[in-house]
């Protein structure tokens, strides 16, 4: 039964509906206006920064869709076109690129701006939140805990296994002697994996002799997919990415990497337990200490240990393999440099009982300069990405908090303001008299500031051991030249098609 009261209520509701609709529309318009004002203010921060012309909504995405080799050349070209700071818009998000020592200093020296960019979150399925990907208090605590593990005594204990693994490499390379040029990178990746497993994890992987390439293939897959996601806006959206074949490939590669991690951790625990149960008290505890032992003795959780094993197995082998491979390419072009390295090693060896010790290797000053010059020419990690946690002034530009900044270390190293004739190989750039007045951020192959590479001393030590072992056995040559290279940046610097060298038995040794 319809009453007068109900009819009155109904009429009131009908009267209110147009008013509420208008109010809702006004609120929506106001919200939109506020958002547009905020967006306009945000965009204004970047309007004065030069960069290539983009398109509405998509920005510079079309320029970023080419082959990786062209992308790397484009990054470098834009520094020539726009100066040492420029901006690219990936969709509606600005990425500021910097490529000089002066521009990099405010960022890399900042104690506040040490957080990696949001893109590094895409690595967490693979690496968890270890040293490479963690931030804030977790990163500070983990860095503080692990830094003491890279002390002199532990590095000294790494010499013997690194040397033994390098001897295996020398034997395997013998089948390439007096043959056509071959891609040396696959050999170097395998020895680098063996060395990081043996030294840092205390695990005898024996990848070289067993030709266990699954781990290397998985790492290559994960690196390529990560770089693809970094630079493709829609692939950063999980709901879209999970529909692609990349997601399945990533899952399969992660399974390979994590299975090896679990095997390493389990094997080390068993070795430690077996040592404790040794019937001879004098033999108890007599196992060579590793980074993994250090983590276990500091009561890190299984999850935390797993994250760092994944991180160090990747970063520890990939950086070393990259530096060694590029070093072989450069040395193959300079036979007189090969001889000078061997002459220096012979002189140091003659004055010590143990030529393969941290002290002896640190005396190889010419070899040290050569490796540093290789890393300048072919920066192993060519770019790093950070988020500005505070407003930052770079050159004449004021960047707001939250700005994502890509530092192209390779561009810094090729800057003629600080490196005369930058494309030429000249180890004497690193003589003390030539570096005394250099800008402190003009050479940063291991990054700089508080978030520099924790394992740089380890990497340099292992690189030198591998190079000495190879040079003692073989004379290197190559027909490749720098102009033939098609470089691109994944997580490390890669040449499309690999690095081709040829080998001859060394007819005489500077040790003789």
Protein backbone atom coordinates (compact mmCIF):
# COMPACT_ATOMS: atom_id res chain seq x y z
CA UNK A 1 0.00 0.00 0.00
CA UNK A 2 1.51 3.34 -1.03
CA UNK A 3 1.16 5.98 1.65
CA UNK A 4 1.55 9.73 1.47
CA UNK A 5 4.69 9.49 3.62
CA UNK A 6 6.33 7.00 1.32
CA UNK A 7 5.43 9.11 -1.70
CA UNK A 8 6.94 12.13 0.04
CA UNK A 9 10.18 10.25 0.82
CA UNK A 10 10.39 9.04 -2.73
CA UNK A 11 9.94 12.54 -4.07
CA UNK A 12 12.68 13.77 -1.73
CA UNK A 13 15.09 11.15 -2.95
CA UNK A 14 14.37 12.06 -6.53
CA UNK A 15 14.95 15.69 -5.72
CA UNK A 16 18.36 14.88 -4.13
CA UNK A 17 19.70 12.75 -6.95
CA UNK A 18 20.47 15.60 -9.40
CA UNK A 19 22.17 17.55 -6.62
CA UNK A 20 24.31 14.58 -5.53
CA UNK A 21 25.25 13.92 -9.14
CA UNK A 22 26.39 17.50 -9.57
CA UNK A 23 28.40 17.35 -6.33
CA UNK A 24 30.06 14.10 -7.42
CA UNK A 25 30.94 15.65 -10.76
CA UNK A 26 32.38 18.72 -9.03
CA UNK A 27 34.48 16.53 -6.72
CA UNK A 28 35.78 14.53 -9.70
CA UNK A 29 36.67 17.72 -11.55
CA UNK A 30 38.45 19.12 -8.49
CA UNK A 31 40.39 15.90 -8.00
CA UNK A 32 41.34 15.91 -11.68
CA UNK A 33 42.44 19.55 -11.48
CA UNK A 34 44.58 18.82 -8.39
CA UNK A 35 46.16 15.82 -10.13
CA UNK A 36 46.84 17.86 -13.26
CA UNK A 37 48.43 20.66 -11.21
CA UNK A 38 50.62 18.14 -9.38
CA UNK A 39 51.56 16.49 -12.66
CA UNK A 40 52.35 19.87 -14.21
CA UNK A 41 54.60 20.78 -11.29
CA UNK A 42 56.28 17.37 -11.49
CA UNK A 43 56.91 17.61 -15.24
CA UNK A 44 58.24 21.16 -14.79
CA UNK A 45 61.23 19.82 -12.87
CA UNK A 46 62.42 18.02 -16.00
CA UNK A 47 61.49 20.52 -18.72
CA UNK A 48 64.84 22.29 -18.57
CA UNK A 49 66.79 19.05 -18.90
CA UNK A 50 67.62 18.38 -22.56
CA UNK A 51 66.72 15.15 -24.27
CA UNK A 52 65.31 13.66 -27.47
CA UNK A 53 61.79 14.62 -28.50
CA UNK A 54 59.17 12.13 -27.38
CA UNK A 55 55.46 11.61 -27.92
CA UNK A 56 52.49 12.25 -25.64
CA UNK A 57 51.80 9.45 -23.14
CA UNK A 58 54.45 7.04 -24.51
CA UNK A 59 57.40 9.44 -24.29
CA UNK A 60 60.59 7.99 -25.82
CA UNK A 61 59.46 4.36 -25.73
CA UNK A 62 59.76 3.96 -29.50
CA UNK A 63 63.46 4.91 -29.36
CA UNK A 64 64.00 2.19 -26.75
CA UNK A 65 62.56 -0.69 -28.74
CA UNK A 66 65.52 -1.28 -31.06
CA UNK A 67 68.24 -3.95 -30.75
CA UNK A 68 70.29 -3.86 -27.55
CA UNK A 69 73.44 -2.96 -29.49
CA UNK A 70 71.73 0.09 -30.99
CA UNK A 71 70.32 1.06 -27.59
CA UNK A 72 73.78 1.24 -26.03
CA UNK A 73 75.09 3.36 -28.92
CA UNK A 74 72.05 5.61 -28.56
CA UNK A 75 72.78 6.23 -24.86
CA UNK A 76 76.32 7.29 -25.73
CA UNK A 77 75.19 9.39 -28.72
CA UNK A 78 72.76 11.37 -26.59
CA UNK A 79 75.61 12.47 -24.33
CA UNK A 80 77.29 13.92 -27.41
CA UNK A 81 74.03 15.53 -28.53
CA UNK A 82 72.72 16.89 -25.23
CA UNK A 83 75.67 17.06 -22.82
CA UNK A 84 76.41 15.05 -19.71
CA UNK A 85 72.83 15.12 -18.37
CA UNK A 86 69.72 14.27 -20.38
CA UNK A 87 66.25 12.85 -19.77
CA UNK A 88 64.31 10.06 -21.46
CA UNK A 89 60.61 9.54 -20.83
CA UNK A 90 59.55 5.89 -20.54
CA UNK A 91 55.82 6.33 -20.81
CA UNK A 92 55.01 9.06 -18.30
CA UNK A 93 58.07 8.34 -16.14
CA UNK A 94 61.25 10.39 -16.54
CA UNK A 95 64.68 8.74 -16.35
CA UNK A 96 67.61 11.11 -15.94
CA UNK A 97 70.88 9.90 -17.49
CA UNK A 98 74.24 11.22 -16.30
CA UNK A 99 77.58 10.60 -17.94
CA UNK A 100 80.34 12.72 -16.42
CA UNK A 101 82.37 12.76 -13.22
CA UNK A 102 80.95 16.16 -12.29
CA UNK A 103 77.36 15.04 -12.75
CA UNK A 104 77.91 11.72 -10.96
CA UNK A 105 79.60 13.12 -7.86
CA UNK A 106 76.49 14.51 -6.08
CA UNK A 107 74.69 11.19 -6.53
CA UNK A 108 77.47 8.69 -5.86
CA UNK A 109 78.87 10.61 -2.89
CA UNK A 110 75.47 11.03 -1.24
CA UNK A 111 74.83 9.00 1.90
CA UNK A 112 71.09 9.46 1.36
CA UNK A 113 70.80 8.42 -2.30
CA UNK A 114 71.93 4.81 -2.02
CA UNK A 115 68.65 3.14 -2.88
CA UNK A 116 68.61 1.27 -6.18
CA UNK A 117 65.87 2.27 -8.62
CA UNK A 118 62.48 0.56 -8.57
CA UNK A 119 63.54 -1.55 -11.55
CA UNK A 120 65.82 -3.62 -9.30
CA UNK A 121 62.69 -5.02 -7.66
CA UNK A 122 62.28 -7.02 -10.87
CA UNK A 123 65.35 -9.05 -9.80
CA UNK A 124 63.84 -10.19 -6.51
CA UNK A 125 62.42 -13.48 -7.81
CA UNK A 126 65.99 -14.38 -8.72
CA UNK A 127 68.14 -12.65 -6.07
CA UNK A 128 65.68 -11.98 -3.27
CA UNK A 129 66.72 -8.93 -1.27
CA UNK A 130 70.44 -9.54 -0.98
CA UNK A 131 73.14 -6.88 -1.16
CA UNK A 132 72.41 -5.94 -4.77
CA UNK A 133 68.67 -5.41 -4.36
CA UNK A 134 68.08 -4.62 -0.66
CA UNK A 135 67.60 -1.13 0.70
CA UNK A 136 67.26 0.82 3.91
CA UNK A 137 68.10 -0.75 7.24
CA UNK A 138 68.39 -4.27 5.82
CA UNK A 139 71.06 -3.19 3.37
CA UNK A 140 72.99 -1.26 6.04
CA UNK A 141 72.96 -4.22 8.45
CA UNK A 142 73.90 -6.77 5.78
CA UNK A 143 76.71 -4.61 4.39
CA UNK A 144 78.09 -4.03 7.89
CA UNK A 145 77.94 -7.75 8.63
CA UNK A 146 79.59 -8.95 5.40
CA UNK A 147 82.29 -6.31 4.88
CA UNK A 148 84.71 -7.84 7.44
CA UNK A 149 84.55 -11.18 5.61
CA UNK A 150 86.69 -9.75 2.79
CA UNK A 151 89.72 -9.37 5.04
CA UNK A 152 93.31 -10.12 4.04
CA UNK A 153 93.44 -13.59 5.63
CA UNK A 154 90.33 -14.79 3.84
CA UNK A 155 91.55 -13.36 0.51
CA UNK A 156 94.85 -15.16 1.01
CA UNK A 157 92.98 -18.43 1.41
CA UNK A 158 91.32 -17.85 -1.97
CA UNK A 159 94.62 -17.92 -3.86
CA UNK A 160 95.15 -21.67 -4.00
CA UNK A 161 91.68 -22.66 -5.26
CA UNK A 162 91.66 -19.78 -7.76
CA UNK A 163 95.05 -20.91 -9.03
CA UNK A 164 93.97 -24.57 -9.28
CA UNK A 165 90.79 -23.70 -11.19
CA UNK A 166 92.86 -21.52 -13.54
CA UNK A 167 95.21 -24.46 -14.18
CA UNK A 168 92.21 -26.51 -15.29
CA UNK A 169 91.26 -23.68 -17.65
CA UNK A 170 94.76 -23.64 -19.16
CA UNK A 171 94.53 -27.36 -19.88
CA UNK A 172 91.09 -27.05 -21.46
CA UNK A 173 92.25 -24.20 -23.68
CA UNK A 174 94.94 -26.43 -25.16
CA UNK A 175 92.46 -27.83 -27.67
CA UNK A 176 92.10 -24.33 -29.14
CA UNK A 177 95.82 -23.89 -29.81
CA UNK A 178 96.78 -23.15 -33.44
CA UNK A 179 93.14 -23.21 -34.53
CA UNK A 180 90.77 -20.55 -35.77
CA UNK A 181 89.64 -17.75 -33.52
CA UNK A 182 87.09 -18.84 -30.93
CA UNK A 183 84.78 -17.16 -28.42
CA UNK A 184 86.74 -17.22 -25.15
CA UNK A 185 83.87 -15.96 -22.99
CA UNK A 186 82.30 -19.38 -22.45
CA UNK A 187 85.56 -20.77 -21.07
CA UNK A 188 86.01 -17.77 -18.80
CA UNK A 189 82.47 -17.91 -17.42
CA UNK A 190 82.97 -21.55 -16.41
CA UNK A 191 86.28 -20.94 -14.63
CA UNK A 192 84.79 -17.90 -12.89
CA UNK A 193 81.86 -19.99 -11.63
CA UNK A 194 84.24 -22.69 -10.39
CA UNK A 195 86.34 -20.09 -8.57
CA UNK A 196 83.45 -18.28 -6.87
CA UNK A 197 81.92 -21.60 -5.80
CA UNK A 198 85.26 -22.88 -4.47
CA UNK A 199 86.45 -19.69 -2.79
CA UNK A 200 83.36 -17.89 -1.53
CA UNK A 201 81.15 -20.93 -0.98
CA UNK A 202 83.66 -23.66 -0.16
CA UNK A 203 81.95 -25.91 -2.72
CA UNK A 204 83.72 -27.93 -5.40
CA UNK A 205 81.43 -27.37 -8.39
CA UNK A 206 83.84 -28.59 -11.09
CA UNK A 207 81.79 -26.92 -13.82
CA UNK A 208 84.71 -26.80 -16.26
CA UNK A 209 85.40 -30.53 -16.39
CA UNK A 210 81.76 -31.58 -16.18
CA UNK A 211 80.74 -28.98 -18.75
CA UNK A 212 77.90 -27.93 -16.44
CA UNK A 213 76.58 -25.00 -18.39
CA UNK A 214 73.00 -24.99 -17.06
CA UNK A 215 73.87 -22.40 -14.43
CA UNK A 216 75.58 -20.13 -16.98
CA UNK A 217 72.67 -20.46 -19.41
CA UNK A 218 70.22 -19.66 -16.62
CA UNK A 219 72.19 -16.56 -15.59
CA UNK A 220 72.35 -15.38 -19.21
CA UNK A 221 68.59 -15.85 -19.54
CA UNK A 222 67.83 -14.00 -16.31
CA UNK A 223 70.15 -11.12 -17.23
CA UNK A 224 68.60 -10.70 -20.68
CA UNK A 225 65.02 -10.84 -19.38
CA UNK A 226 65.81 -8.39 -16.58
CA UNK A 227 67.22 -5.84 -19.01
CA UNK A 228 64.21 -6.30 -21.30
CA UNK A 229 61.83 -5.61 -18.42
CA UNK A 230 63.88 -2.62 -17.22
CA UNK A 231 63.33 -0.78 -20.50
CA UNK A 232 59.85 -1.98 -21.55
CA UNK A 233 57.08 -0.23 -19.59
CA UNK A 234 54.34 -2.82 -20.10
CA UNK A 235 56.62 -5.70 -19.08
CA UNK A 236 56.99 -4.09 -15.66
CA UNK A 237 53.31 -4.80 -15.04
CA UNK A 238 53.19 -8.30 -13.55
CA UNK A 239 49.71 -9.09 -14.88
CA UNK A 240 50.95 -8.44 -18.43
CA UNK A 241 54.43 -9.91 -17.97
CA UNK A 242 53.04 -13.17 -16.55
CA UNK A 243 51.18 -13.75 -19.83
CA UNK A 244 54.41 -13.66 -21.85
CA UNK A 245 56.92 -16.42 -22.58
CA UNK A 246 59.50 -14.41 -20.61
CA UNK A 247 57.76 -15.29 -17.33
CA UNK A 248 58.02 -19.02 -18.00
CA UNK A 249 61.67 -18.69 -19.05
CA UNK A 250 62.41 -16.73 -15.87
CA UNK A 251 60.75 -19.37 -13.68
CA UNK A 252 62.73 -22.17 -15.32
CA UNK A 253 66.04 -20.26 -15.02
CA UNK A 254 65.34 -19.37 -11.37
CA UNK A 255 64.73 -23.04 -10.62
CA UNK A 256 68.17 -23.93 -12.03
CA UNK A 257 69.91 -21.18 -10.05
CA UNK A 258 68.08 -21.91 -6.80
CA UNK A 259 68.66 -25.65 -7.04
CA UNK A 260 72.40 -25.03 -7.29
CA UNK A 261 72.18 -22.61 -4.35
CA UNK A 262 70.41 -25.21 -2.21
CA UNK A 263 72.97 -27.86 -3.18
CA UNK A 264 75.84 -25.55 -2.23
CA UNK A 265 74.36 -24.61 1.15
CA UNK A 266 73.46 -28.21 1.98
CA UNK A 267 76.90 -29.47 0.93
CA UNK A 268 78.68 -26.86 3.04
CA UNK A 269 76.60 -27.67 6.09
CA UNK A 270 77.46 -31.36 5.69
CA UNK A 271 81.17 -30.55 5.34
CA UNK A 272 81.09 -28.41 8.49
CA UNK A 273 79.24 -31.11 10.43
CA UNK A 274 81.65 -33.79 9.23
CA UNK A 275 84.59 -31.66 10.38
CA UNK A 276 83.08 -31.30 13.86
CA UNK A 277 82.68 -35.07 14.13
CA UNK A 278 86.27 -35.81 13.09
CA UNK A 279 87.70 -38.41 15.50
CA UNK A 280 91.12 -36.75 15.51
CA UNK A 281 90.81 -33.54 17.60
CA UNK A 282 93.66 -31.95 15.64
CA UNK A 283 91.68 -32.33 12.43
CA UNK A 284 88.47 -30.90 13.81
CA UNK A 285 87.61 -27.57 12.24
CA UNK A 286 90.39 -27.83 9.66
CA UNK A 287 88.38 -26.72 6.67
CA UNK A 288 89.30 -23.70 4.62
CA UNK A 289 86.98 -20.89 5.65
CA UNK A 290 84.74 -19.29 3.05
CA UNK A 291 82.27 -16.43 2.84
CA UNK A 292 79.48 -18.98 3.29
CA UNK A 293 81.08 -20.18 6.55
CA UNK A 294 81.18 -16.58 7.72
CA UNK A 295 77.45 -16.23 7.06
CA UNK A 296 76.63 -19.48 8.85
CA UNK A 297 78.74 -18.57 11.87
CA UNK A 298 76.96 -15.21 12.17
CA UNK A 299 73.60 -16.95 12.60
CA UNK A 300 72.04 -15.60 9.43
CA UNK A 301 68.71 -17.21 8.61
CA UNK A 302 68.47 -19.79 5.83
CA UNK A 303 66.52 -17.27 3.75
CA UNK A 304 69.15 -14.56 4.23
CA UNK A 305 71.97 -16.99 3.43
CA UNK A 306 70.14 -18.10 0.29
CA UNK A 307 69.76 -14.51 -0.91
CA UNK A 308 73.45 -13.79 -0.51
CA UNK A 309 74.55 -17.07 -2.08
CA UNK A 310 72.43 -16.22 -5.15
CA UNK A 311 73.84 -12.68 -5.17
CA UNK A 312 77.51 -13.60 -4.82
CA UNK A 313 77.31 -16.57 -7.21
CA UNK A 314 75.94 -14.21 -9.86
CA UNK A 315 77.88 -11.01 -9.18
CA UNK A 316 81.08 -12.79 -8.16
CA UNK A 317 81.40 -14.77 -11.36
CA UNK A 318 79.81 -12.38 -13.86
CA UNK A 319 82.00 -9.40 -13.04
CA UNK A 320 85.20 -11.47 -12.99
CA UNK A 321 84.33 -13.23 -16.25
CA UNK A 322 83.54 -9.92 -17.93
CA UNK A 323 86.80 -8.24 -16.88
CA UNK A 324 88.92 -11.26 -17.84
CA UNK A 325 87.23 -11.65 -21.23
CA UNK A 326 87.69 -7.98 -22.16
CA UNK A 327 91.27 -8.10 -20.85
CA UNK A 328 92.07 -11.02 -23.14
CA UNK A 329 90.60 -9.11 -26.07
CA UNK A 330 92.77 -6.06 -25.36
CA UNK A 331 95.93 -8.04 -24.60
CA UNK A 332 95.46 -10.08 -27.78
CA UNK A 333 95.87 -6.81 -29.69
CA UNK A 334 99.08 -5.88 -27.81
CA UNK A 335 101.69 -8.63 -27.76
CA UNK A 336 104.35 -6.36 -26.27
CA UNK A 337 102.04 -5.74 -23.33
CA UNK A 338 101.73 -9.51 -22.82
CA UNK A 339 105.52 -9.74 -22.64
CA UNK A 340 105.80 -6.84 -20.20
CA UNK A 341 103.26 -8.47 -17.87
CA UNK A 342 105.24 -11.72 -17.90
CA UNK A 343 108.53 -9.91 -17.34
CA UNK A 344 107.09 -8.16 -14.31
CA UNK A 345 105.71 -11.44 -12.95
CA UNK A 346 109.10 -13.11 -13.42
CA UNK A 347 110.83 -10.30 -11.52
CA UNK A 348 108.36 -10.50 -8.62
CA UNK A 349 108.55 -14.31 -8.60
CA UNK A 350 112.35 -14.19 -8.35
CA UNK A 351 112.15 -12.11 -5.19
CA UNK A 352 109.65 -14.23 -3.27
CA UNK A 353 109.10 -17.82 -2.26
CA UNK A 354 105.43 -17.63 -3.18
CA UNK A 355 104.60 -15.68 -6.35
CA UNK A 356 100.92 -16.49 -5.89
CA UNK A 357 100.12 -14.67 -2.68
CA UNK A 358 98.13 -11.52 -2.04
CA UNK A 359 101.36 -9.64 -1.29
CA UNK A 360 103.12 -10.80 -4.45
CA UNK A 361 100.17 -10.16 -6.74
CA UNK A 362 99.78 -6.67 -5.27
CA UNK A 363 103.35 -5.96 -6.43
CA UNK A 364 102.35 -6.49 -10.06
CA UNK A 365 101.87 -2.78 -10.70
CA UNK A 366 101.98 -2.92 -14.49
CA UNK A 367 99.40 -5.72 -14.60
CA UNK A 368 97.25 -3.70 -12.20
CA UNK A 369 97.41 -0.68 -14.52
CA UNK A 370 96.53 -2.85 -17.52
CA UNK A 371 93.45 -4.29 -15.84
CA UNK A 372 92.34 -0.85 -14.70
CA UNK A 373 92.71 0.50 -18.22
CA UNK A 374 90.68 -2.42 -19.61
CA UNK A 375 87.91 -1.63 -17.12
CA UNK A 376 87.99 1.99 -18.22
CA UNK A 377 87.68 1.06 -21.89
CA UNK A 378 85.13 -1.72 -21.30
CA UNK A 379 83.42 -0.96 -18.03
CA UNK A 380 82.21 -4.33 -16.68
CA UNK A 381 78.99 -2.92 -15.18
CA UNK A 382 78.34 -0.09 -17.66
CA UNK A 383 75.38 1.51 -15.91
CA UNK A 384 73.82 1.70 -12.46
CA UNK A 385 70.38 2.98 -11.51
CA UNK A 386 69.53 4.82 -8.30
CA UNK A 387 66.51 6.59 -6.85
CA UNK A 388 67.04 10.03 -5.34
CA UNK A 389 65.71 9.68 -1.80
CA UNK A 390 66.13 13.42 -1.31
CA UNK A 391 66.02 16.41 -3.69
CA UNK A 392 69.30 16.55 -5.56
CA UNK A 393 71.14 19.16 -7.59
CA UNK A 394 73.09 17.75 -10.53
CA UNK A 395 74.96 20.36 -12.55
CA UNK A 396 72.39 23.15 -12.94
CA UNK A 397 69.36 20.90 -12.62
CA UNK A 398 67.26 20.43 -9.49
CA UNK A 399 65.81 16.91 -9.32
CA UNK A 400 62.93 16.16 -6.97
CA UNK A 401 62.84 13.31 -4.49
CA UNK A 402 61.97 10.05 -6.23
CA UNK A 403 63.81 10.80 -9.47
CA UNK A 404 65.25 7.70 -11.11
CA UNK A 405 68.82 8.34 -12.23
CA UNK A 406 70.90 6.14 -14.54
CA UNK A 407 74.63 6.71 -14.27
CA UNK A 408 76.39 5.50 -17.41
CA UNK A 409 79.81 4.60 -16.01
CA UNK A 410 81.07 3.79 -19.50
CA UNK A 411 80.36 7.38 -20.59
CA UNK A 412 82.26 8.73 -17.58
CA UNK A 413 85.26 6.60 -18.52
CA UNK A 414 85.17 7.80 -22.12
CA UNK A 415 84.95 11.50 -21.23
CA UNK A 416 87.83 13.34 -22.99
CA UNK A 417 87.76 16.04 -20.29
CA UNK A 418 89.37 13.56 -17.91
CA UNK A 419 90.81 10.88 -20.22
CA UNK A 420 92.88 12.17 -23.14
CA UNK A 421 92.44 10.14 -26.32
CA UNK A 422 89.86 8.03 -24.47
CA UNK A 423 89.50 5.23 -27.03
CA UNK A 424 93.19 4.26 -26.92
CA UNK A 425 94.68 1.65 -24.57
CA UNK A 426 97.23 3.33 -22.31
CA UNK A 427 97.98 1.65 -18.95
CA UNK A 428 100.24 4.55 -17.98
CA UNK A 429 97.15 6.66 -17.37
CA UNK A 430 97.18 4.96 -13.99
CA UNK A 431 100.73 5.81 -12.99
CA UNK A 432 100.56 7.64 -9.67
CA UNK A 433 101.91 10.85 -11.19
CA UNK A 434 99.10 10.79 -13.77
CA UNK A 435 96.27 10.17 -11.32
CA UNK A 436 97.20 12.56 -8.52
CA UNK A 437 95.04 15.41 -9.81
CA UNK A 438 92.28 13.36 -11.40
CA UNK A 439 88.66 14.02 -10.50
CA UNK A 440 87.77 11.42 -7.83
CA UNK A 441 84.72 10.28 -9.81
CA UNK A 442 86.37 10.12 -13.23
CA UNK A 443 87.13 6.41 -12.77
CA UNK A 444 84.48 4.33 -11.01
CA UNK A 445 84.38 0.78 -12.45
CA UNK A 446 83.12 -0.60 -9.13
CA UNK A 447 80.79 2.35 -8.52
CA UNK A 448 81.68 4.69 -5.64
CA UNK A 449 80.53 5.88 -2.27
CA UNK A 450 78.98 3.72 0.41
CA UNK A 451 77.30 1.45 -2.15
CA UNK A 452 80.44 0.55 -4.05
CA UNK A 453 81.23 -3.09 -4.86
CA UNK A 454 81.96 -5.02 -1.66
CA UNK A 455 83.98 -7.63 -3.58
CA UNK A 456 86.26 -5.43 -5.68
CA UNK A 457 89.49 -6.62 -4.00
CA UNK A 458 88.39 -10.20 -4.52
CA UNK A 459 87.56 -9.53 -8.17
CA UNK A 460 90.90 -7.86 -8.94
CA UNK A 461 92.81 -10.68 -7.24
CA UNK A 462 91.03 -13.43 -9.19
CA UNK A 463 91.24 -11.56 -12.51
CA UNK A 464 95.03 -11.22 -12.17
CA UNK A 465 95.52 -14.90 -11.29
CA UNK A 466 93.54 -16.07 -14.32
CA UNK A 467 95.36 -13.68 -16.67
CA UNK A 468 98.82 -14.66 -15.43
CA UNK A 469 98.04 -18.37 -15.81
CA UNK A 470 96.79 -17.91 -19.38
CA UNK A 471 99.66 -15.63 -20.44
CA UNK A 472 102.29 -18.00 -19.04
CA UNK A 473 100.95 -20.76 -21.27
CA UNK A 474 99.78 -18.98 -24.39
CA UNK A 475 100.46 -16.10 -26.72
CA UNK A 476 97.22 -14.34 -27.59
CA UNK A 477 96.20 -12.71 -30.84
CA UNK A 478 93.00 -11.53 -32.53
CA UNK A 479 91.85 -10.01 -35.79
CA UNK A 480 88.96 -8.26 -34.00
CA UNK A 481 89.27 -4.54 -33.47
CA UNK A 482 87.31 -2.16 -31.34
CA UNK A 483 85.52 -0.91 -34.46
CA UNK A 484 84.17 -4.45 -35.00
CA UNK A 485 82.46 -4.56 -31.61
CA UNK A 486 78.70 -4.53 -31.13
CA UNK A 487 78.50 -3.87 -27.42
CA UNK A 488 75.39 -3.82 -25.32
CA UNK A 489 74.55 -3.53 -21.65
CA UNK A 490 72.67 -6.17 -19.79
CA UNK A 491 73.76 -6.35 -16.18
CA UNK A 492 77.34 -6.45 -17.50
CA UNK A 493 78.95 -5.25 -20.75
CA UNK A 494 78.59 -7.82 -23.52
CA UNK A 495 79.74 -8.00 -27.13
CA UNK A 496 77.28 -9.51 -29.56
CA UNK A 497 78.87 -12.64 -30.92
CA UNK A 498 81.36 -12.93 -28.07
CA UNK A 499 85.06 -12.12 -27.90
CA UNK A 500 87.18 -13.95 -30.47
CA UNK A 501 90.86 -14.69 -29.91
CA UNK A 502 93.37 -17.29 -31.05
CA UNK A 503 96.11 -19.06 -29.09
CA UNK A 504 99.65 -20.26 -29.71
CA UNK A 505 101.83 -22.15 -27.25
CA UNK A 506 104.15 -19.64 -25.67
CA UNK A 507 107.56 -20.57 -27.05
CA UNK A 508 109.42 -18.97 -24.22
CA UNK A 509 108.43 -17.61 -20.87
CA UNK A 510 109.66 -14.56 -19.06
CA UNK A 511 110.03 -16.93 -16.11
CA UNK A 512 112.62 -19.02 -17.93
